Amino acid sequence: MERPKSVSEMLERYDSDFYEPIGRLIMQFGFLEFHIDHWLSALGADQPKLRKANNLNNKITLYGQIIDQHTTEPNDLAERDRLVQQMRELNTFRNRVVHGPWSVYLGEKKAWQKLSVNRQNATHQFFEVTADVIRAAASDLAKIQVEASHFAFGFLVPKKA
């Protein structure tokens, strides 16, 4: 296949396969954030805490803290930790996909290489991503959203003795 002659030609040729999965990933995060807001309100987060949780990472932290107010059961806390960790990992992935430039399309791998900056040590890193990996992340996020929803609302239903 002939190399693209310009960036716009490269974008036309290669990135259309990425539009749908990126859109799906972004939509899933919109649903997750909406549901986290709902869970936090239902589980009793007070207004000052809700106002401080102005980004998804802070809302995920608050979700974990609110669960702490409803249980001390080791199994519940382990499940909370798993859900919070998975939401954080997916949010990190989303940030890497969404923010920063799409650098080079790797035709043989059908992957884009992205440049990202590690803010802790101010280094640049390359991140390769395929459309299939983005699709899988959106699917994983949908599953986590359902699991986290059932888990959170389990604390609103009285436990049977």
Protein backbone atom coordinates (compact mmCIF):
# COMPACT_ATOMS: atom_id res chain seq x y z
CA MET A 1 0.00 0.00 0.00
CA GLU A 2 1.27 3.44 -0.90
CA ARG A 3 2.25 5.74 1.96
CA PRO A 4 -0.10 8.69 2.56
CA LYS A 5 1.17 11.98 1.17
CA SER A 6 -0.20 14.17 3.96
CA VAL A 7 -1.60 14.03 7.47
CA SER A 8 -5.13 14.63 6.17
CA GLU A 9 -4.78 11.75 3.72
CA MET A 10 -3.48 9.56 6.54
CA LEU A 11 -6.45 10.49 8.73
CA GLU A 12 -8.93 9.77 5.97
CA ARG A 13 -7.34 6.43 5.22
CA TYR A 14 -6.74 5.05 8.70
CA ASP A 15 -8.71 6.65 11.46
CA SER A 16 -12.27 5.91 10.34
CA ASP A 17 -11.96 2.45 11.92
CA PHE A 18 -11.37 4.21 15.23
CA TYR A 19 -14.36 6.60 15.21
CA GLU A 20 -17.00 4.11 16.33
CA PRO A 21 -15.03 2.48 19.17
CA ILE A 22 -13.81 5.83 20.51
CA GLY A 23 -17.37 7.17 20.42
CA ARG A 24 -18.63 4.05 22.20
CA LEU A 25 -15.93 4.39 24.87
CA ILE A 26 -16.78 8.06 25.46
CA MET A 27 -20.51 7.29 25.64
CA GLN A 28 -19.90 4.50 28.17
CA PHE A 29 -17.95 6.91 30.34
CA GLY A 30 -20.82 9.38 30.12
CA PHE A 31 -23.18 6.65 31.32
CA LEU A 32 -20.77 5.65 34.10
CA GLU A 33 -20.40 9.21 35.34
CA PHE A 34 -24.18 9.71 35.30
CA HIS A 35 -24.66 6.51 37.29
CA ILE A 36 -21.91 7.34 39.79
CA ASP A 37 -23.66 10.67 40.46
CA HIS A 38 -26.89 8.75 41.02
CA TRP A 39 -25.23 6.18 43.32
CA LEU A 40 -23.54 8.87 45.37
CA SER A 41 -26.79 10.75 45.89
CA ALA A 42 -28.74 7.59 46.72
CA LEU A 43 -26.09 6.38 49.16
CA GLY A 44 -26.09 9.67 51.02
CA ALA A 45 -23.12 11.70 49.86
CA ASP A 46 -23.58 15.23 51.18
CA GLN A 47 -23.66 18.22 48.85
CA PRO A 48 -20.23 19.65 49.76
CA LYS A 49 -18.59 16.30 48.97
CA LEU A 50 -20.53 16.01 45.72
CA ARG A 51 -19.44 19.50 44.66
CA LYS A 52 -15.79 18.66 45.37
CA ALA A 53 -16.07 15.52 43.24
CA ASN A 54 -15.91 17.54 40.03
CA ASN A 55 -14.14 14.96 37.87
CA LEU A 56 -14.53 11.26 37.32
CA ASN A 57 -11.44 10.27 39.31
CA ASN A 58 -12.72 12.16 42.37
CA LYS A 59 -16.17 10.60 41.95
CA ILE A 60 -14.64 7.12 41.86
CA THR A 61 -12.78 7.93 45.10
CA LEU A 62 -15.98 9.22 46.71
CA TYR A 63 -17.83 6.06 45.57
CA GLY A 64 -15.30 3.97 47.52
CA GLN A 65 -15.60 6.23 50.57
CA ILE A 66 -19.40 6.13 50.55
CA ILE A 67 -19.37 2.33 50.40
CA ASP A 68 -17.18 2.42 53.55
CA GLN A 69 -20.04 4.16 55.35
CA HIS A 70 -22.37 1.26 54.58
CA THR A 71 -20.29 -1.82 55.33
CA THR A 72 -17.32 -3.24 57.16
CA GLU A 73 -17.72 -6.75 55.72
CA PRO A 74 -14.37 -7.94 54.30
CA ASN A 75 -16.02 -9.41 51.17
CA ASP A 76 -17.84 -6.13 50.50
CA LEU A 77 -14.65 -4.12 50.95
CA ALA A 78 -12.75 -6.46 48.62
CA GLU A 79 -15.48 -6.05 45.99
CA ARG A 80 -15.41 -2.28 46.47
CA ASP A 81 -11.64 -2.28 45.98
CA ARG A 82 -11.95 -4.38 42.81
CA LEU A 83 -14.62 -2.12 41.31
CA VAL A 84 -12.78 1.09 42.20
CA GLN A 85 -9.51 -0.28 40.79
CA GLN A 86 -11.15 -1.35 37.52
CA MET A 87 -12.94 1.98 37.12
CA ARG A 88 -9.64 3.81 37.73
CA GLU A 89 -7.75 1.65 35.23
CA LEU A 90 -10.41 2.19 32.58
CA ASN A 91 -10.44 5.93 33.30
CA THR A 92 -6.64 6.03 32.85
CA PHE A 93 -7.04 4.18 29.56
CA ARG A 94 -9.76 6.61 28.45
CA ASN A 95 -7.53 9.57 29.27
CA ARG A 96 -4.70 8.09 27.23
CA VAL A 97 -7.03 7.50 24.27
CA VAL A 98 -8.77 10.86 24.40
CA HIS A 99 -6.01 13.29 25.37
CA GLY A 100 -2.89 14.02 23.41
CA PRO A 101 -1.95 13.68 19.77
CA TRP A 102 -2.42 10.64 17.61
CA SER A 103 1.09 10.33 16.25
CA VAL A 104 1.76 7.50 13.83
CA TYR A 105 -0.51 4.88 12.29
CA LEU A 106 1.21 1.48 12.38
CA GLY A 107 -0.33 -0.18 9.33
CA GLU A 108 0.90 -3.71 9.97
CA LYS A 109 -0.49 -3.65 13.51
CA LYS A 110 -3.59 -1.61 12.59
CA ALA A 111 -2.74 0.51 15.61
CA TRP A 112 -2.23 4.17 16.36
CA GLN A 113 0.76 5.26 18.34
CA LYS A 114 0.01 8.06 20.74
CA LEU A 115 2.40 10.26 22.62
CA SER A 116 1.55 10.88 26.25
CA VAL A 117 3.28 12.72 29.07
CA ASN A 118 3.81 11.14 32.45
CA ARG A 119 3.05 14.05 34.77
CA GLN A 120 4.82 12.48 37.77
CA ASN A 121 8.25 12.53 36.14
CA ALA A 122 7.66 14.73 33.06
CA THR A 123 8.66 12.02 30.61
CA HIS A 124 7.12 11.20 27.26
CA GLN A 125 5.77 7.74 26.59
CA PHE A 126 4.36 6.07 23.52
CA PHE A 127 1.12 4.18 23.77
CA GLU A 128 -0.12 1.90 20.99
CA VAL A 129 -3.83 1.25 20.69
CA THR A 130 -6.01 -0.67 18.26
CA ALA A 131 -9.70 -0.26 17.56
CA ASP A 132 -10.30 -3.73 19.03
CA VAL A 133 -8.63 -2.75 22.32
CA ILE A 134 -10.81 0.36 22.52
CA ARG A 135 -13.94 -1.73 21.81
CA ALA A 136 -12.95 -4.19 24.53
CA ALA A 137 -12.44 -1.36 27.03
CA ALA A 138 -15.93 0.02 26.25
CA SER A 139 -17.39 -3.45 26.77
CA ASP A 140 -15.48 -3.92 30.04
CA LEU A 141 -16.70 -0.53 31.21
CA ALA A 142 -20.33 -1.48 30.52
CA LYS A 143 -19.89 -4.63 32.63
CA ILE A 144 -18.22 -2.73 35.48
CA GLN A 145 -21.02 -0.15 35.42
CA VAL A 146 -23.65 -2.87 35.89
CA GLU A 147 -21.63 -4.60 38.62
CA ALA A 148 -20.95 -1.35 40.47
CA SER A 149 -24.61 -0.37 40.20
CA HIS A 150 -25.86 -3.67 41.64
CA PHE A 151 -23.21 -3.48 44.35
CA ALA A 152 -24.04 0.11 45.36
CA PHE A 153 -27.78 -0.38 45.38
CA GLY A 154 -27.40 -3.57 47.39
CA PHE A 155 -26.72 -1.30 50.36
CA LEU A 156 -30.08 0.43 49.94
CA VAL A 157 -32.07 -2.79 50.28
CA PRO A 158 -32.49 -4.07 53.84
CA LYS A 159 -30.47 -7.24 54.47
CA LYS A 160 -32.40 -10.38 55.37
CA ALA A 161 -31.49 -11.84 58.72
